[in-house]
Amino acid sequence: MNPKDIRTSNDPDLAGSYAAMLRAARSAEDLAIKTNTSIVVSLDGRDVELTAAELIKIHEKESNSINH
């Protein structure tokens, strides 16, 4: 695996793919919340299931930290 951050790539498509992946992840989270389902994510190298309720709490924390 290449440890170099893709956001620093000289290729603008590769550098922009990071933001696209973040948007896709957020879209998946929003869909899981709307359908009251779980998603599986990788955290610290482990697969973790996040329920819709947990995703809502995470989004609320993010929103509160941005607004303060």
PDB file of N, CA and C in Angstrom:
ATOM      1  N   MET A   1       0.842  -1.173   0.000  1.00  0.00           N
ATOM      2  CA  MET A   1       0.000   0.000   0.000  1.00  0.00           C
ATOM      3  C   MET A   1       0.888   1.237   0.000  1.00  0.00           C
ATOM      4  N   ASN A   2       0.470   2.242  -0.747  1.00  0.00           N
ATOM      5  CA  ASN A   2       1.218   3.488  -0.851  1.00  0.00           C
ATOM      6  C   ASN A   2       0.755   4.440   0.260  1.00  0.00           C
ATOM      7  N   PRO A   3       1.644   4.834   1.185  1.00  0.00           N
ATOM      8  CA  PRO A   3       1.239   5.698   2.293  1.00  0.00           C
ATOM      9  C   PRO A   3       1.095   7.171   1.912  1.00  0.00           C
ATOM     10  N   LYS A   4       1.419   7.542   0.661  1.00  0.00           N
ATOM     11  CA  LYS A   4       1.340   8.935   0.249  1.00  0.00           C
ATOM     12  C   LYS A   4      -0.125   9.384   0.163  1.00  0.00           C
ATOM     13  N   ASP A   5      -0.399  10.540   0.668  1.00  0.00           N
ATOM     14  CA  ASP A   5      -1.743  11.115   0.651  1.00  0.00           C
ATOM     15  C   ASP A   5      -2.132  11.464  -0.785  1.00  0.00           C
ATOM     16  N   ILE A   6      -3.249  10.911  -1.263  1.00  0.00           N
ATOM     17  CA  ILE A   6      -3.642  11.150  -2.660  1.00  0.00           C
ATOM     18  C   ILE A   6      -4.007  12.603  -2.925  1.00  0.00           C
ATOM     19  N   ARG A   7      -4.334  13.347  -1.886  1.00  0.00           N
ATOM     20  CA  ARG A   7      -4.691  14.754  -2.085  1.00  0.00           C
ATOM     21  C   ARG A   7      -3.505  15.581  -2.559  1.00  0.00           C
ATOM     22  N   THR A   8      -2.293  15.053  -2.375  1.00  0.00           N
ATOM     23  CA  THR A   8      -1.094  15.781  -2.794  1.00  0.00           C
ATOM     24  C   THR A   8      -0.590  15.324  -4.161  1.00  0.00           C
ATOM     25  N   SER A   9      -1.360  14.490  -4.839  1.00  0.00           N
ATOM     26  CA  SER A   9      -0.949  13.965  -6.138  1.00  0.00           C
ATOM     27  C   SER A   9      -0.869  15.071  -7.184  1.00  0.00           C
ATOM     28  N   ASN A  10       0.057  14.905  -8.136  1.00  0.00           N
ATOM     29  CA  ASN A  10       0.158  15.829  -9.256  1.00  0.00           C
ATOM     30  C   ASN A  10      -0.976  15.632 -10.256  1.00  0.00           C
ATOM     31  N   ASP A  11      -1.616  14.470 -10.204  1.00  0.00           N
ATOM     32  CA  ASP A  11      -2.742  14.171 -11.084  1.00  0.00           C
ATOM     33  C   ASP A  11      -4.011  14.768 -10.468  1.00  0.00           C
ATOM     34  N   PRO A  12      -4.629  15.763 -11.115  1.00  0.00           N
ATOM     35  CA  PRO A  12      -5.799  16.414 -10.520  1.00  0.00           C
ATOM     36  C   PRO A  12      -6.984  15.470 -10.328  1.00  0.00           C
ATOM     37  N   ASP A  13      -7.111  14.467 -11.203  1.00  0.00           N
ATOM     38  CA  ASP A  13      -8.199  13.503 -11.025  1.00  0.00           C
ATOM     39  C   ASP A  13      -7.997  12.671  -9.768  1.00  0.00           C
ATOM     40  N   LEU A  14      -6.776  12.237  -9.556  1.00  0.00           N
ATOM     41  CA  LEU A  14      -6.472  11.451  -8.364  1.00  0.00           C
ATOM     42  C   LEU A  14      -6.618  12.306  -7.112  1.00  0.00           C
ATOM     43  N   ALA A  15      -6.114  13.523  -7.153  1.00  0.00           N
ATOM     44  CA  ALA A  15      -6.234  14.417  -6.001  1.00  0.00           C
ATOM     45  C   ALA A  15      -7.698  14.704  -5.675  1.00  0.00           C
ATOM     46  N   GLY A  16      -8.523  14.860  -6.691  1.00  0.00           N
ATOM     47  CA  GLY A  16      -9.944  15.140  -6.484  1.00  0.00           C
ATOM     48  C   GLY A  16     -10.742  13.928  -6.060  1.00  0.00           C
ATOM     49  N   SER A  17     -10.186  12.738  -6.239  1.00  0.00           N
ATOM     50  CA  SER A  17     -10.931  11.531  -5.887  1.00  0.00           C
ATOM     51  C   SER A  17     -11.161  11.424  -4.384  1.00  0.00           C
ATOM     52  N   TYR A  18     -10.308  12.040  -3.590  1.00  0.00           N
ATOM     53  CA  TYR A  18     -10.485  12.004  -2.133  1.00  0.00           C
ATOM     54  C   TYR A  18     -11.819  12.650  -1.744  1.00  0.00           C
ATOM     55  N   ALA A  19     -12.081  13.818  -2.290  1.00  0.00           N
ATOM     56  CA  ALA A  19     -13.350  14.503  -1.992  1.00  0.00           C
ATOM     57  C   ALA A  19     -14.535  13.692  -2.500  1.00  0.00           C
ATOM     58  N   ALA A  20     -14.371  13.050  -3.645  1.00  0.00           N
ATOM     59  CA  ALA A  20     -15.446  12.229  -4.200  1.00  0.00           C
ATOM     60  C   ALA A  20     -15.743  11.042  -3.278  1.00  0.00           C
ATOM     61  N   MET A  21     -14.696  10.454  -2.711  1.00  0.00           N
ATOM     62  CA  MET A  21     -14.904   9.332  -1.784  1.00  0.00           C
ATOM     63  C   MET A  21     -15.608   9.794  -0.513  1.00  0.00           C
ATOM     64  N   LEU A  22     -15.273  10.985  -0.032  1.00  0.00           N
ATOM     65  CA  LEU A  22     -15.957  11.517   1.145  1.00  0.00           C
ATOM     66  C   LEU A  22     -17.433  11.759   0.858  1.00  0.00           C
ATOM     67  N   ARG A  23     -17.736  12.302  -0.339  1.00  0.00           N
ATOM     68  CA  ARG A  23     -19.143  12.514  -0.714  1.00  0.00           C
ATOM     69  C   ARG A  23     -19.890  11.192  -0.827  1.00  0.00           C
ATOM     70  N   ALA A  24     -19.248  10.178  -1.391  1.00  0.00           N
ATOM     71  CA  ALA A  24     -19.881   8.864  -1.523  1.00  0.00           C
ATOM     72  C   ALA A  24     -20.146   8.240  -0.156  1.00  0.00           C
ATOM     73  N   ALA A  25     -19.197   8.390   0.756  1.00  0.00           N
ATOM     74  CA  ALA A  25     -19.377   7.854   2.108  1.00  0.00           C
ATOM     75  C   ALA A  25     -20.538   8.552   2.804  1.00  0.00           C
ATOM     76  N   ARG A  26     -20.606   9.865   2.671  1.00  0.00           N
ATOM     77  CA  ARG A  26     -21.699  10.616   3.301  1.00  0.00           C
ATOM     78  C   ARG A  26     -23.048  10.216   2.700  1.00  0.00           C
ATOM     79  N   SER A  27     -23.076   9.994   1.396  1.00  0.00           N
ATOM     80  CA  SER A  27     -24.301   9.571   0.733  1.00  0.00           C
ATOM     81  C   SER A  27     -24.744   8.197   1.248  1.00  0.00           C
ATOM     82  N   ALA A  28     -23.796   7.283   1.432  1.00  0.00           N
ATOM     83  CA  ALA A  28     -24.113   5.960   1.970  1.00  0.00           C
ATOM     84  C   ALA A  28     -24.653   6.071   3.394  1.00  0.00           C
ATOM     85  N   GLU A  29     -24.058   6.950   4.184  1.00  0.00           N
ATOM     86  CA  GLU A  29     -24.544   7.160   5.553  1.00  0.00           C
ATOM     87  C   GLU A  29     -25.951   7.732   5.549  1.00  0.00           C
ATOM     88  N   ASP A  30     -26.197   8.705   4.699  1.00  0.00           N
ATOM     89  CA  ASP A  30     -27.529   9.309   4.623  1.00  0.00           C
ATOM     90  C   ASP A  30     -28.583   8.283   4.203  1.00  0.00           C
ATOM     91  N   LEU A  31     -28.234   7.422   3.251  1.00  0.00           N
ATOM     92  CA  LEU A  31     -29.165   6.385   2.809  1.00  0.00           C
ATOM     93  C   LEU A  31     -29.434   5.390   3.929  1.00  0.00           C
ATOM     94  N   ALA A  32     -28.404   5.019   4.682  1.00  0.00           N
ATOM     95  CA  ALA A  32     -28.580   4.100   5.806  1.00  0.00           C
ATOM     96  C   ALA A  32     -29.513   4.707   6.853  1.00  0.00           C
ATOM     97  N   ILE A  33     -29.375   6.009   7.095  1.00  0.00           N
ATOM     98  CA  ILE A  33     -30.252   6.680   8.055  1.00  0.00           C
ATOM     99  C   ILE A  33     -31.692   6.687   7.536  1.00  0.00           C
ATOM    100  N   LYS A  34     -31.868   7.036   6.264  1.00  0.00           N
ATOM    101  CA  LYS A  34     -33.219   7.086   5.685  1.00  0.00           C
ATOM    102  C   LYS A  34     -33.910   5.736   5.708  1.00  0.00           C
ATOM    103  N   THR A  35     -33.155   4.666   5.508  1.00  0.00           N
ATOM    104  CA  THR A  35     -33.738   3.328   5.442  1.00  0.00           C
ATOM    105  C   THR A  35     -33.610   2.560   6.750  1.00  0.00           C
ATOM    106  N   ASN A  36     -33.085   3.224   7.782  1.00  0.00           N
ATOM    107  CA  ASN A  36     -32.899   2.632   9.102  1.00  0.00           C
ATOM    108  C   ASN A  36     -32.125   1.310   9.018  1.00  0.00           C
ATOM    109  N   THR A  37     -31.024   1.336   8.295  1.00  0.00           N
ATOM    110  CA  THR A  37     -30.169   0.167   8.170  1.00  0.00           C
ATOM    111  C   THR A  37     -28.767   0.509   8.667  1.00  0.00           C
ATOM    112  N   SER A  38     -27.948  -0.502   8.760  1.00  0.00           N
ATOM    113  CA  SER A  38     -26.565  -0.328   9.211  1.00  0.00           C
ATOM    114  C   SER A  38     -25.639  -0.292   8.011  1.00  0.00           C
ATOM    115  N   ILE A  39     -24.454   0.245   8.241  1.00  0.00           N
ATOM    116  CA  ILE A  39     -23.382   0.152   7.257  1.00  0.00           C
ATOM    117  C   ILE A  39     -22.156  -0.405   7.966  1.00  0.00           C
ATOM    118  N   VAL A  40     -21.251  -0.974   7.192  1.00  0.00           N
ATOM    119  CA  VAL A  40     -20.003  -1.484   7.742  1.00  0.00           C
ATOM    120  C   VAL A  40     -18.877  -0.593   7.243  1.00  0.00           C
ATOM    121  N   VAL A  41     -18.071  -0.115   8.175  1.00  0.00           N
ATOM    122  CA  VAL A  41     -16.935   0.749   7.848  1.00  0.00           C
ATOM    123  C   VAL A  41     -15.680   0.158   8.460  1.00  0.00           C
ATOM    124  N   SER A  42     -14.547   0.622   7.989  1.00  0.00           N
ATOM    125  CA  SER A  42     -13.270   0.195   8.550  1.00  0.00           C
ATOM    126  C   SER A  42     -12.754   1.302   9.459  1.00  0.00           C
ATOM    127  N   LEU A  43     -12.553   0.981  10.729  1.00  0.00           N
ATOM    128  CA  LEU A  43     -12.009   1.923  11.710  1.00  0.00           C
ATOM    129  C   LEU A  43     -10.771   1.296  12.337  1.00  0.00           C
ATOM    130  N   ASP A  44      -9.658   1.958  12.181  1.00  0.00           N
ATOM    131  CA  ASP A  44      -8.393   1.459  12.732  1.00  0.00           C
ATOM    132  C   ASP A  44      -8.105   0.030  12.267  1.00  0.00           C
ATOM    133  N   GLY A  45      -8.437  -0.260  11.006  1.00  0.00           N
ATOM    134  CA  GLY A  45      -8.158  -1.574  10.447  1.00  0.00           C
ATOM    135  C   GLY A  45      -9.155  -2.658  10.808  1.00  0.00           C
ATOM    136  N   ARG A  46     -10.203  -2.305  11.535  1.00  0.00           N
ATOM    137  CA  ARG A  46     -11.230  -3.288  11.908  1.00  0.00           C
ATOM    138  C   ARG A  46     -12.530  -2.944  11.212  1.00  0.00           C
ATOM    139  N   ASP A  47     -13.304  -3.953  10.850  1.00  0.00           N
ATOM    140  CA  ASP A  47     -14.628  -3.733  10.284  1.00  0.00           C
ATOM    141  C   ASP A  47     -15.610  -3.532  11.424  1.00  0.00           C
ATOM    142  N   VAL A  48     -16.365  -2.421  11.346  1.00  0.00           N
ATOM    143  CA  VAL A  48     -17.295  -2.066  12.405  1.00  0.00           C
ATOM    144  C   VAL A  48     -18.656  -1.772  11.785  1.00  0.00           C
ATOM    145  N   GLU A  49     -19.709  -2.331  12.370  1.00  0.00           N
ATOM    146  CA  GLU A  49     -21.064  -2.061  11.904  1.00  0.00           C
ATOM    147  C   GLU A  49     -21.612  -0.849  12.661  1.00  0.00           C
ATOM    148  N   LEU A  50     -22.093   0.144  11.918  1.00  0.00           N
ATOM    149  CA  LEU A  50     -22.690   1.334  12.512  1.00  0.00           C
ATOM    150  C   LEU A  50     -24.171   1.338  12.183  1.00  0.00           C
ATOM    151  N   THR A  51     -25.001   1.419  13.204  1.00  0.00           N
ATOM    152  CA  THR A  51     -26.443   1.464  13.004  1.00  0.00           C
ATOM    153  C   THR A  51     -26.861   2.870  12.585  1.00  0.00           C
ATOM    154  N   ALA A  52     -28.089   2.979  12.105  1.00  0.00           N
ATOM    155  CA  ALA A  52     -28.616   4.290  11.721  1.00  0.00           C
ATOM    156  C   ALA A  52     -28.601   5.234  12.920  1.00  0.00           C
ATOM    157  N   ALA A  53     -28.943   4.731  14.088  1.00  0.00           N
ATOM    158  CA  ALA A  53     -28.951   5.572  15.298  1.00  0.00           C
ATOM    159  C   ALA A  53     -27.548   6.084  15.608  1.00  0.00           C
ATOM    160  N   GLU A  54     -26.542   5.228  15.464  1.00  0.00           N
ATOM    161  CA  GLU A  54     -25.161   5.647  15.710  1.00  0.00           C
ATOM    162  C   GLU A  54     -24.715   6.683  14.679  1.00  0.00           C
ATOM    163  N   LEU A  55     -25.119   6.494  13.428  1.00  0.00           N
ATOM    164  CA  LEU A  55     -24.775   7.459  12.381  1.00  0.00           C
ATOM    165  C   LEU A  55     -25.400   8.824  12.668  1.00  0.00           C
ATOM    166  N   ILE A  56     -26.634   8.816  13.145  1.00  0.00           N
ATOM    167  CA  ILE A  56     -27.303  10.076  13.491  1.00  0.00           C
ATOM    168  C   ILE A  56     -26.517  10.790  14.585  1.00  0.00           C
ATOM    169  N   LYS A  57     -26.092  10.066  15.605  1.00  0.00           N
ATOM    170  CA  LYS A  57     -25.306  10.668  16.690  1.00  0.00           C
ATOM    171  C   LYS A  57     -23.995  11.238  16.170  1.00  0.00           C
ATOM    172  N   ILE A  58     -23.331  10.499  15.274  1.00  0.00           N
ATOM    173  CA  ILE A  58     -22.072  10.973  14.701  1.00  0.00           C
ATOM    174  C   ILE A  58     -22.295  12.254  13.917  1.00  0.00           C
ATOM    175  N   HIS A  59     -23.356  12.295  13.108  1.00  0.00           N
ATOM    176  CA  HIS A  59     -23.655  13.491  12.314  1.00  0.00           C
ATOM    177  C   HIS A  59     -23.991  14.679  13.214  1.00  0.00           C
ATOM    178  N   GLU A  60     -24.702  14.414  14.318  1.00  0.00           N
ATOM    179  CA  GLU A  60     -25.028  15.492  15.254  1.00  0.00           C
ATOM    180  C   GLU A  60     -23.755  16.049  15.897  1.00  0.00           C
ATOM    181  N   LYS A  61     -22.835  15.168  16.290  1.00  0.00           N
ATOM    182  CA  LYS A  61     -21.560  15.616  16.863  1.00  0.00           C
ATOM    183  C   LYS A  61     -20.775  16.461  15.876  1.00  0.00           C
ATOM    184  N   GLU A  62     -20.725  15.990  14.615  1.00  0.00           N
ATOM    185  CA  GLU A  62     -20.007  16.737  13.577  1.00  0.00           C
ATOM    186  C   GLU A  62     -20.639  18.101  13.365  1.00  0.00           C
ATOM    187  N   SER A  63     -21.966  18.138  13.355  1.00  0.00           N
ATOM    188  CA  SER A  63     -22.678  19.392  13.151  1.00  0.00           C
ATOM    189  C   SER A  63     -22.427  20.348  14.315  1.00  0.00           C
ATOM    190  N   ASN A  64     -22.427  19.825  15.524  1.00  0.00           N
ATOM    191  CA  ASN A  64     -22.194  20.666  16.702  1.00  0.00           C
ATOM    192  C   ASN A  64     -20.764  21.197  16.728  1.00  0.00           C
ATOM    193  N   SER A  65     -19.802  20.383  16.307  1.00  0.00           N
ATOM    194  CA  SER A  65     -18.417  20.848  16.336  1.00  0.00           C
ATOM    195  C   SER A  65     -18.153  21.887  15.244  1.00  0.00           C
ATOM    196  N   ILE A  66     -18.869  21.806  14.150  1.00  0.00           N
ATOM    197  CA  ILE A  66     -18.725  22.795  13.067  1.00  0.00           C
ATOM    198  C   ILE A  66     -19.359  24.118  13.475  1.00  0.00           C
ATOM    199  N   ASN A  67     -20.468  24.060  14.158  1.00  0.00           N
ATOM    200  CA  ASN A  67     -21.221  25.256  14.534  1.00  0.00           C
ATOM    201  C   ASN A  67     -20.650  25.964  15.751  1.00  0.00           C
ATOM    202  N   HIS A  68     -19.694  25.350  16.429  1.00  0.00           N
ATOM    203  CA  HIS A  68     -19.149  25.999  17.643  1.00  0.00           C
ATOM    204  C   HIS A  68     -17.751  26.456  17.426  1.00  0.00           C
TER     205      HIS A  68
END
